[in-house]
Amino acid sequence: MENSIDDILKDVSGPSIELDIPVSSSKDIFAVHQRQAWDKTVEARCDFTYNLRITKRSDVHFISVWKKSLYGRTLTDIKSDPAMVDVFASAMTSVISGTLGGFLSTGDWCIVTSPKRRHKEKNFATMISERIAINLAIPFYEDAAFCHSRHRMNAVFTANNIPKERNVIVFDDFVTTGQTLASMKRLLTNHGKNLIFFAGINNKL
């Protein structure tokens, strides 16, 4: 008499496998969690190696002087050092004047920067822009735009102190996604301005 499949399988044993799977403890889904502190050990850095380049990001072409690096000073450290304002302003003045040349002498130029988001008074980009304006002998329009949100993605800027000059230099200290420059572009082109974009640090490798 033939053995049934059940009788055959009774005598078959598989290999013994032990899995070390950690058992997660039960979590209170209603518990209030504190926001984790910003881990500055993985923060972006810059070693200030000269690396002039033109980049297109978020449909905006901009000229940058330096780029993000694996080593060097963190962006937080850079922004908190007052001496870095002169470093940025000197480098940017040279690049802007070298790029625009004699066009700057027309007297129809000015400089603006992106809106303040967390600073009630002056931020790093504002202080640099002020210094660039003095070096180039052109007006600087502080708070040309206003932003109602702290978020950088898809930010909508509203007009606040729009320049009277037709040609506008838009400066930002750090550019990552390019969304801030894109928002400035949408705002200022709607006011009939010709724009050229400059950045201190291209915040991507």
C-alpha atoms as a PDB file:
ATOM      1  CA  MET A   1       0.000   0.000   0.000  1.00  0.00           C
ATOM      2  CA  GLU A   2       1.328   3.370  -0.972  1.00  0.00           C
ATOM      3  CA  ASN A   3       2.119   5.865   1.739  1.00  0.00           C
ATOM      4  CA  SER A   4       0.047   9.034   1.735  1.00  0.00           C
ATOM      5  CA  ILE A   5       1.773  12.359   1.315  1.00  0.00           C
ATOM      6  CA  ASP A   6       0.960  13.181   4.937  1.00  0.00           C
ATOM      7  CA  ASP A   7       2.821  10.055   6.134  1.00  0.00           C
ATOM      8  CA  ILE A   8       5.873  10.992   4.062  1.00  0.00           C
ATOM      9  CA  LEU A   9       5.993  14.553   5.303  1.00  0.00           C
ATOM     10  CA  LYS A  10       5.826  13.394   8.924  1.00  0.00           C
ATOM     11  CA  ASP A  11       9.353  12.022   8.636  1.00  0.00           C
ATOM     12  CA  VAL A  12      10.826  15.048   6.886  1.00  0.00           C
ATOM     13  CA  SER A  13      12.556  17.606   9.060  1.00  0.00           C
ATOM     14  CA  GLY A  14      14.011  20.893   7.862  1.00  0.00           C
ATOM     15  CA  PRO A  15      17.246  22.551   9.025  1.00  0.00           C
ATOM     16  CA  SER A  16      17.191  24.422  12.286  1.00  0.00           C
ATOM     17  CA  ILE A  17      17.481  28.183  11.662  1.00  0.00           C
ATOM     18  CA  GLU A  18      17.752  30.719  14.438  1.00  0.00           C
ATOM     19  CA  LEU A  19      16.988  34.333  13.586  1.00  0.00           C
ATOM     20  CA  ASP A  20      18.146  37.119  15.829  1.00  0.00           C
ATOM     21  CA  ILE A  21      15.339  39.614  15.249  1.00  0.00           C
ATOM     22  CA  PRO A  22      15.085  42.411  17.765  1.00  0.00           C
ATOM     23  CA  VAL A  23      11.662  42.744  19.291  1.00  0.00           C
ATOM     24  CA  SER A  24      10.485  46.319  19.281  1.00  0.00           C
ATOM     25  CA  SER A  25       9.003  47.576  22.463  1.00  0.00           C
ATOM     26  CA  SER A  26       5.464  48.846  22.373  1.00  0.00           C
ATOM     27  CA  LYS A  27       5.202  52.555  21.653  1.00  0.00           C
ATOM     28  CA  ASP A  28       2.702  55.074  22.824  1.00  0.00           C
ATOM     29  CA  ILE A  29       1.503  56.613  19.578  1.00  0.00           C
ATOM     30  CA  PHE A  30       0.018  59.506  21.522  1.00  0.00           C
ATOM     31  CA  ALA A  31       3.241  60.359  23.337  1.00  0.00           C
ATOM     32  CA  VAL A  32       4.619  63.843  22.835  1.00  0.00           C
ATOM     33  CA  HIS A  33       8.123  63.705  21.350  1.00  0.00           C
ATOM     34  CA  GLN A  34      10.644  66.488  21.563  1.00  0.00           C
ATOM     35  CA  ARG A  35      12.228  67.671  18.343  1.00  0.00           C
ATOM     36  CA  GLN A  36      15.723  66.245  17.958  1.00  0.00           C
ATOM     37  CA  ALA A  37      18.595  68.683  18.154  1.00  0.00           C
ATOM     38  CA  TRP A  38      20.295  69.585  14.873  1.00  0.00           C
ATOM     39  CA  ASP A  39      23.199  67.220  14.380  1.00  0.00           C
ATOM     40  CA  LYS A  40      26.015  69.560  13.358  1.00  0.00           C
ATOM     41  CA  THR A  41      28.431  66.649  12.854  1.00  0.00           C
ATOM     42  CA  VAL A  42      26.831  66.003   9.448  1.00  0.00           C
ATOM     43  CA  GLU A  43      26.333  69.657   8.583  1.00  0.00           C
ATOM     44  CA  ALA A  44      27.510  70.956   5.220  1.00  0.00           C
ATOM     45  CA  ARG A  45      31.024  72.405   5.095  1.00  0.00           C
ATOM     46  CA  CYS A  46      33.153  74.570   2.854  1.00  0.00           C
ATOM     47  CA  ASP A  47      36.951  74.701   2.588  1.00  0.00           C
ATOM     48  CA  PHE A  48      36.863  77.892   0.447  1.00  0.00           C
ATOM     49  CA  THR A  49      38.759  76.446  -2.472  1.00  0.00           C
ATOM     50  CA  TYR A  50      38.091  78.829  -5.370  1.00  0.00           C
ATOM     51  CA  ASN A  51      35.676  77.093  -7.744  1.00  0.00           C
ATOM     52  CA  LEU A  52      33.904  79.611  -9.958  1.00  0.00           C
ATOM     53  CA  ARG A  53      31.040  77.986 -11.821  1.00  0.00           C
ATOM     54  CA  ILE A  54      27.691  78.606 -13.480  1.00  0.00           C
ATOM     55  CA  THR A  55      24.929  76.274 -12.304  1.00  0.00           C
ATOM     56  CA  LYS A  56      21.300  75.858 -13.313  1.00  0.00           C
ATOM     57  CA  ARG A  57      18.998  74.850 -10.501  1.00  0.00           C
ATOM     58  CA  SER A  58      15.223  75.290 -10.199  1.00  0.00           C
ATOM     59  CA  ASP A  59      15.258  76.972 -13.634  1.00  0.00           C
ATOM     60  CA  VAL A  60      17.713  79.649 -12.453  1.00  0.00           C
ATOM     61  CA  HIS A  61      21.295  80.096 -13.656  1.00  0.00           C
ATOM     62  CA  PHE A  62      23.578  81.456 -10.957  1.00  0.00           C
ATOM     63  CA  ILE A  63      27.299  82.105 -10.611  1.00  0.00           C
ATOM     64  CA  SER A  64      28.946  80.791  -7.443  1.00  0.00           C
ATOM     65  CA  VAL A  65      32.459  81.266  -6.063  1.00  0.00           C
ATOM     66  CA  TRP A  66      32.868  78.232  -3.803  1.00  0.00           C
ATOM     67  CA  LYS A  67      31.158  74.880  -3.390  1.00  0.00           C
ATOM     68  CA  LYS A  68      30.277  72.552  -0.566  1.00  0.00           C
ATOM     69  CA  SER A  69      33.159  70.296   0.522  1.00  0.00           C
ATOM     70  CA  LEU A  70      33.712  67.270   2.741  1.00  0.00           C
ATOM     71  CA  TYR A  71      36.047  69.196   5.023  1.00  0.00           C
ATOM     72  CA  GLY A  72      36.345  72.772   6.180  1.00  0.00           C
ATOM     73  CA  ARG A  73      34.169  75.055   8.270  1.00  0.00           C
ATOM     74  CA  THR A  74      30.505  74.281   8.865  1.00  0.00           C
ATOM     75  CA  LEU A  75      27.923  76.646   7.455  1.00  0.00           C
ATOM     76  CA  THR A  76      26.779  77.505  10.974  1.00  0.00           C
ATOM     77  CA  ASP A  77      30.344  78.393  11.943  1.00  0.00           C
ATOM     78  CA  ILE A  78      30.759  80.509   8.816  1.00  0.00           C
ATOM     79  CA  LYS A  79      27.560  82.467   9.413  1.00  0.00           C
ATOM     80  CA  SER A  80      28.414  83.135  13.051  1.00  0.00           C
ATOM     81  CA  ASP A  81      31.839  84.616  12.237  1.00  0.00           C
ATOM     82  CA  PRO A  82      31.645  88.397  11.522  1.00  0.00           C
ATOM     83  CA  ALA A  83      35.001  88.257   9.708  1.00  0.00           C
ATOM     84  CA  MET A  84      33.411  86.072   7.022  1.00  0.00           C
ATOM     85  CA  VAL A  85      31.237  88.975   5.860  1.00  0.00           C
ATOM     86  CA  ASP A  86      34.337  90.681   4.452  1.00  0.00           C
ATOM     87  CA  VAL A  87      35.593  87.400   2.965  1.00  0.00           C
ATOM     88  CA  PHE A  88      32.340  86.883   1.067  1.00  0.00           C
ATOM     89  CA  ALA A  89      31.939  90.548   0.090  1.00  0.00           C
ATOM     90  CA  SER A  90      35.488  90.840  -1.252  1.00  0.00           C
ATOM     91  CA  ALA A  91      35.234  87.672  -3.329  1.00  0.00           C
ATOM     92  CA  MET A  92      31.763  88.501  -4.639  1.00  0.00           C
ATOM     93  CA  THR A  93      32.735  92.082  -5.525  1.00  0.00           C
ATOM     94  CA  SER A  94      35.592  90.771  -7.649  1.00  0.00           C
ATOM     95  CA  VAL A  95      33.420  88.187  -9.409  1.00  0.00           C
ATOM     96  CA  ILE A  96      30.484  90.534 -10.016  1.00  0.00           C
ATOM     97  CA  SER A  97      32.643  93.373 -11.356  1.00  0.00           C
ATOM     98  CA  GLY A  98      34.588  90.918 -13.499  1.00  0.00           C
ATOM     99  CA  THR A  99      31.374  89.451 -14.897  1.00  0.00           C
ATOM    100  CA  LEU A 100      29.500  92.680 -15.582  1.00  0.00           C
ATOM    101  CA  GLY A 101      32.490  94.863 -16.426  1.00  0.00           C
ATOM    102  CA  GLY A 102      31.565  98.227 -17.923  1.00  0.00           C
ATOM    103  CA  PHE A 103      27.840  97.520 -17.709  1.00  0.00           C
ATOM    104  CA  LEU A 104      27.956  98.537 -14.034  1.00  0.00           C
ATOM    105  CA  SER A 105      28.884 102.090 -15.027  1.00  0.00           C
ATOM    106  CA  THR A 106      25.464 102.698 -16.573  1.00  0.00           C
ATOM    107  CA  GLY A 107      24.113 103.627 -13.139  1.00  0.00           C
ATOM    108  CA  ASP A 108      21.015 101.453 -13.605  1.00  0.00           C
ATOM    109  CA  TRP A 109      22.151  98.636 -11.314  1.00  0.00           C
ATOM    110  CA  CYS A 110      21.361  97.631  -7.744  1.00  0.00           C
ATOM    111  CA  ILE A 111      21.664  94.571  -5.492  1.00  0.00           C
ATOM    112  CA  VAL A 112      19.099  92.661  -3.407  1.00  0.00           C
ATOM    113  CA  THR A 113      19.102  89.454  -1.430  1.00  0.00           C
ATOM    114  CA  SER A 114      16.579  86.865  -0.327  1.00  0.00           C
ATOM    115  CA  PRO A 115      14.043  87.655   2.430  1.00  0.00           C
ATOM    116  CA  LYS A 116      14.883  87.234   6.086  1.00  0.00           C
ATOM    117  CA  ARG A 117      13.166  84.190   7.542  1.00  0.00           C
ATOM    118  CA  ARG A 118      14.413  83.832  11.096  1.00  0.00           C
ATOM    119  CA  HIS A 119      16.111  87.175  11.644  1.00  0.00           C
ATOM    120  CA  LYS A 120      14.212  90.271  12.630  1.00  0.00           C
ATOM    121  CA  GLU A 121      17.107  92.560  11.830  1.00  0.00           C
ATOM    122  CA  LYS A 122      20.087  91.676   9.632  1.00  0.00           C
ATOM    123  CA  ASN A 123      21.146  88.228   8.518  1.00  0.00           C
ATOM    124  CA  PHE A 124      24.404  87.053   6.972  1.00  0.00           C
ATOM    125  CA  ALA A 125      23.326  87.591   3.355  1.00  0.00           C
ATOM    126  CA  THR A 126      22.070  91.095   4.127  1.00  0.00           C
ATOM    127  CA  MET A 127      25.358  92.170   5.712  1.00  0.00           C
ATOM    128  CA  ILE A 128      27.328  90.812   2.748  1.00  0.00           C
ATOM    129  CA  SER A 129      25.026  92.515   0.241  1.00  0.00           C
ATOM    130  CA  GLU A 130      25.430  95.848   2.019  1.00  0.00           C
ATOM    131  CA  ARG A 131      29.208  95.541   1.748  1.00  0.00           C
ATOM    132  CA  ILE A 132      29.074  94.515  -1.928  1.00  0.00           C
ATOM    133  CA  ALA A 133      26.889  97.537  -2.688  1.00  0.00           C
ATOM    134  CA  ILE A 134      29.430  99.861  -1.081  1.00  0.00           C
ATOM    135  CA  ASN A 135      32.295  98.235  -2.994  1.00  0.00           C
ATOM    136  CA  LEU A 136      30.476  98.507  -6.323  1.00  0.00           C
ATOM    137  CA  ALA A 137      28.973 101.940  -5.590  1.00  0.00           C
ATOM    138  CA  ILE A 138      25.435 100.760  -6.338  1.00  0.00           C
ATOM    139  CA  PRO A 139      22.270 100.851  -4.197  1.00  0.00           C
ATOM    140  CA  PHE A 140      21.285  97.955  -1.936  1.00  0.00           C
ATOM    141  CA  TYR A 141      17.580  97.394  -1.338  1.00  0.00           C
ATOM    142  CA  GLU A 142      17.072  95.674   1.992  1.00  0.00           C
ATOM    143  CA  ASP A 143      13.951  93.516   2.317  1.00  0.00           C
ATOM    144  CA  ALA A 144      13.061  93.830  -1.358  1.00  0.00           C
ATOM    145  CA  ALA A 145      10.830  90.810  -0.857  1.00  0.00           C
ATOM    146  CA  PHE A 146       8.902  89.427   2.065  1.00  0.00           C
ATOM    147  CA  CYS A 147       8.271  85.736   2.775  1.00  0.00           C
ATOM    148  CA  HIS A 148       5.358  84.591   4.919  1.00  0.00           C
ATOM    149  CA  SER A 149       6.801  81.107   5.439  1.00  0.00           C
ATOM    150  CA  ARG A 150      10.066  79.726   6.772  1.00  0.00           C
ATOM    151  CA  HIS A 151       9.914  76.856   4.290  1.00  0.00           C
ATOM    152  CA  ARG A 152      12.247  77.118   1.313  1.00  0.00           C
ATOM    153  CA  MET A 153      10.397  74.772  -1.038  1.00  0.00           C
ATOM    154  CA  ASN A 154       7.776  76.492  -3.200  1.00  0.00           C
ATOM    155  CA  ALA A 155       8.035  79.668  -1.142  1.00  0.00           C
ATOM    156  CA  VAL A 156       5.926  82.576  -2.320  1.00  0.00           C
ATOM    157  CA  PHE A 157       7.525  86.013  -1.969  1.00  0.00           C
ATOM    158  CA  THR A 158       5.584  89.261  -1.961  1.00  0.00           C
ATOM    159  CA  ALA A 159       6.894  92.668  -3.005  1.00  0.00           C
ATOM    160  CA  ASN A 160       8.104  94.904  -0.207  1.00  0.00           C
ATOM    161  CA  ASN A 161      10.924  97.248  -1.294  1.00  0.00           C
ATOM    162  CA  ILE A 162      11.172  96.789  -5.058  1.00  0.00           C
ATOM    163  CA  PRO A 163      14.175  98.616  -6.608  1.00  0.00           C
ATOM    164  CA  LYS A 164      13.657 101.472  -9.039  1.00  0.00           C
ATOM    165  CA  GLU A 165      16.698 100.330 -11.079  1.00  0.00           C
ATOM    166  CA  ARG A 166      15.970  98.102 -14.042  1.00  0.00           C
ATOM    167  CA  ASN A 167      18.999  95.791 -13.635  1.00  0.00           C
ATOM    168  CA  VAL A 168      19.124  93.806 -10.405  1.00  0.00           C
ATOM    169  CA  ILE A 169      21.894  91.653  -8.942  1.00  0.00           C
ATOM    170  CA  VAL A 170      20.325  88.956  -6.757  1.00  0.00           C
ATOM    171  CA  PHE A 171      22.781  87.604  -4.190  1.00  0.00           C
ATOM    172  CA  ASP A 172      22.420  84.672  -1.803  1.00  0.00           C
ATOM    173  CA  ASP A 173      25.085  83.384   0.554  1.00  0.00           C
ATOM    174  CA  PHE A 174      24.284  79.658   0.146  1.00  0.00           C
ATOM    175  CA  VAL A 175      22.286  77.971  -2.618  1.00  0.00           C
ATOM    176  CA  THR A 176      21.116  74.379  -2.266  1.00  0.00           C
ATOM    177  CA  THR A 177      17.931  73.683  -4.235  1.00  0.00           C
ATOM    178  CA  GLY A 178      17.719  77.069  -5.926  1.00  0.00           C
ATOM    179  CA  GLN A 179      14.113  77.475  -4.790  1.00  0.00           C
ATOM    180  CA  THR A 180      14.816  80.793  -3.061  1.00  0.00           C
ATOM    181  CA  LEU A 181      16.400  82.237  -6.199  1.00  0.00           C
ATOM    182  CA  ALA A 182      13.479  80.931  -8.255  1.00  0.00           C
ATOM    183  CA  SER A 183      11.021  82.724  -5.972  1.00  0.00           C
ATOM    184  CA  MET A 184      12.996  85.952  -6.311  1.00  0.00           C
ATOM    185  CA  LYS A 185      13.036  85.491 -10.083  1.00  0.00           C
ATOM    186  CA  ARG A 186       9.251  85.107 -10.256  1.00  0.00           C
ATOM    187  CA  LEU A 187       8.705  88.193  -8.123  1.00  0.00           C
ATOM    188  CA  LEU A 188      11.176  90.549  -9.767  1.00  0.00           C
ATOM    189  CA  THR A 189      10.536  89.582 -13.401  1.00  0.00           C
ATOM    190  CA  ASN A 190       6.870  90.378 -12.779  1.00  0.00           C
ATOM    191  CA  HIS A 191       8.079  93.891 -11.948  1.00  0.00           C
ATOM    192  CA  GLY A 192       9.976  94.180 -15.234  1.00  0.00           C
ATOM    193  CA  LYS A 193      13.487  93.695 -13.846  1.00  0.00           C
ATOM    194  CA  ASN A 194      16.513  92.248 -15.630  1.00  0.00           C
ATOM    195  CA  LEU A 195      18.191  89.802 -13.252  1.00  0.00           C
ATOM    196  CA  ILE A 196      21.569  88.179 -12.733  1.00  0.00           C
ATOM    197  CA  PHE A 197      22.122  85.741  -9.859  1.00  0.00           C
ATOM    198  CA  PHE A 198      25.230  85.229  -7.721  1.00  0.00           C
ATOM    199  CA  ALA A 199      25.911  82.949  -4.771  1.00  0.00           C
ATOM    200  CA  GLY A 200      28.747  82.559  -2.312  1.00  0.00           C
ATOM    201  CA  ILE A 201      28.616  78.793  -1.793  1.00  0.00           C
ATOM    202  CA  ASN A 202      27.045  76.240  -4.112  1.00  0.00           C
ATOM    203  CA  ASN A 203      25.749  73.930  -1.410  1.00  0.00           C
ATOM    204  CA  LYS A 204      25.999  70.704  -3.430  1.00  0.00           C
ATOM    205  CA  LEU A 205      29.056  68.583  -4.205  1.00  0.00           C
END
